[in-house]
Protein backbone atom coordinates (compact mmCIF):
# COMPACT_ATOMS: atom_id res chain seq x y z
CA MET A 1 107.85 110.25 68.24
CA GLU A 2 105.64 107.60 66.83
CA GLU A 3 102.87 106.29 69.05
CA LYS A 4 101.07 103.13 68.12
CA PHE A 5 98.65 100.80 69.77
CA PHE A 6 98.93 97.05 69.41
CA THR A 7 96.00 94.71 69.94
CA LEU A 8 96.00 92.83 73.22
CA ARG A 9 92.73 91.02 72.75
CA GLU A 10 89.63 90.98 70.52
CA VAL A 11 86.40 89.54 71.85
CA GLU A 12 83.14 88.84 70.04
CA LEU A 13 80.16 89.81 72.22
CA ASN A 14 76.67 88.28 72.12
CA ASN A 15 74.97 91.44 73.38
CA ASN A 16 72.53 93.50 71.34
CA CYS A 17 74.03 96.44 69.48
CA PRO A 18 72.57 99.73 70.82
CA GLU A 19 72.40 101.09 67.25
CA CYS A 20 71.03 98.28 65.07
CA TYR A 21 69.89 95.83 67.81
CA SER A 22 71.69 92.96 66.09
CA ARG A 23 72.96 90.20 68.34
CA ASP A 24 75.80 89.35 65.98
CA GLY A 25 78.80 91.48 65.19
CA LEU A 26 79.75 93.34 68.38
CA GLN A 27 83.51 93.25 68.74
CA LEU A 28 85.34 94.54 71.80
CA THR A 29 89.03 95.34 71.29
CA PHE A 30 91.65 96.06 73.94
CA LYS A 31 94.87 97.79 72.88
CA GLN A 32 98.08 98.87 74.61
CA ARG A 33 100.28 101.84 73.71
CA PHE A 34 103.66 101.26 72.07
CA ILE A 35 106.13 104.14 71.62
CA GLU A 36 109.02 104.05 69.16
CA ASN A 37 111.47 106.73 68.03
CA SER A 38 115.14 106.96 66.98
CA PHE A 39 116.45 106.45 70.51
CA TYR A 40 114.21 103.85 72.15
CA LYS A 41 111.11 101.72 72.00
CA ALA A 42 108.80 101.16 74.94
CA ILE A 43 105.54 99.57 75.94
CA SER A 44 103.57 101.81 78.26
CA LYS A 45 100.93 100.78 80.76
CA GLU A 46 98.30 102.88 78.97
CA THR A 47 95.51 100.84 77.43
CA ALA A 48 92.57 101.71 75.23
CA HIS A 49 89.40 99.93 74.23
CA SER A 50 86.83 100.17 71.48
CA LEU A 51 83.50 98.55 70.73
CA PHE A 52 82.57 98.15 67.08
CA CYS A 53 79.50 96.65 65.44
CA LYS A 54 80.34 94.79 62.23
CA VAL A 55 76.68 94.65 61.14
CA CYS A 56 75.96 98.41 61.11
CA GLU A 57 79.68 99.32 60.89
CA THR A 58 79.44 101.75 63.81
CA THR A 59 81.78 102.46 66.69
CA ILE A 60 79.77 102.26 69.90
CA PHE A 61 80.97 104.82 72.43
CA PRO A 62 80.67 104.13 76.20
CA ALA A 63 77.81 106.63 76.58
CA ARG A 64 75.62 104.35 74.43
CA TRP A 65 76.53 101.10 76.22
CA THR A 66 73.78 99.20 78.00
CA ASP A 67 74.18 97.78 81.51
CA ASP A 68 74.74 94.33 79.99
CA ILE A 69 77.55 95.63 77.80
CA ASP A 70 79.08 97.39 80.84
CA ARG A 71 79.11 94.14 82.82
CA VAL A 72 80.63 92.14 79.96
CA PHE A 73 83.20 94.91 79.38
CA GLU A 74 84.27 94.89 83.05
CA TYR A 75 84.64 91.12 82.99
CA GLN A 76 86.64 91.13 79.75
CA GLN A 77 88.81 93.99 81.00
CA ARG A 78 89.79 91.96 84.07
CA ALA A 79 90.44 88.93 81.86
CA SER A 80 92.77 90.77 79.49
CA SER A 81 95.74 91.92 81.50
CA PRO A 82 98.18 94.27 79.74
CA LYS A 83 101.73 93.26 78.92
CA PRO A 84 104.34 94.49 81.40
CA THR A 85 105.89 97.86 80.67
CA SER A 86 109.27 97.78 78.99
CA PHE A 87 111.93 100.19 77.80
CA LYS A 88 114.69 99.30 75.33
CA LEU A 89 117.42 101.58 74.00
CA LYS A 90 118.25 101.29 70.32
CA THR A 91 121.77 100.97 68.91
CA PHE A 92 121.92 104.68 68.09
CA SER A 93 121.34 105.53 71.77
CA TRP A 94 124.07 103.18 72.95
CA ILE A 95 126.57 104.68 70.48
CA LEU A 96 125.61 108.20 71.59
CA ILE A 97 126.04 107.27 75.26
CA LEU A 98 129.47 105.73 74.60
CA VAL A 99 130.68 108.75 72.59
CA LEU A 100 129.47 111.24 75.21
CA THR A 101 131.04 109.20 78.01
CA ALA A 102 134.38 109.08 76.16
CA LEU A 103 134.26 112.84 75.57
CA LEU A 104 133.49 113.43 79.24
CA ILE A 105 136.42 111.26 80.36
CA ILE A 106 138.84 112.90 77.93
CA THR A 107 137.72 116.40 78.96
CA THR A 108 138.03 115.55 82.65
CA LEU A 109 141.52 114.10 82.17
CA PHE A 110 142.57 117.15 80.15
CA PHE A 111 141.44 119.57 82.88
CA LEU A 112 143.16 117.45 85.55
CA GLY A 113 146.41 117.88 83.65
CA ILE A 114 146.98 114.27 82.72
CA PHE A 115 147.36 115.04 78.99
CA GLU A 116 149.43 118.18 79.56
CA ASP A 117 152.81 116.44 79.39
CA GLN A 118 151.98 114.51 76.24
CA ILE A 119 150.72 117.52 74.26
CA LEU A 120 153.76 119.79 74.78
């Protein structure tokens, strides 16, 4: 199963970086999880976020955030709503469902004796 995250929103912040104290370069990114495998693809409701400083090229973890960054993060989080969850079967799944359903019907009809006259 392949799990990916796609970017919902990227926001440039004007706050000071807790590492290099630069006022330019803080970028807050919100992402949402996307799952894809042979049978289906789906968008989950799980989201993730990251704060990166382009000046010192450092990921800023929430433990290092200032109160100002926390407030801006909460505001931006409310402003960036995730996409609705979705679930879509791929063609391979539909074929598998049809084949299994046909086998189930044929087996049921065989055990009910419907095919008994035609076979002998």
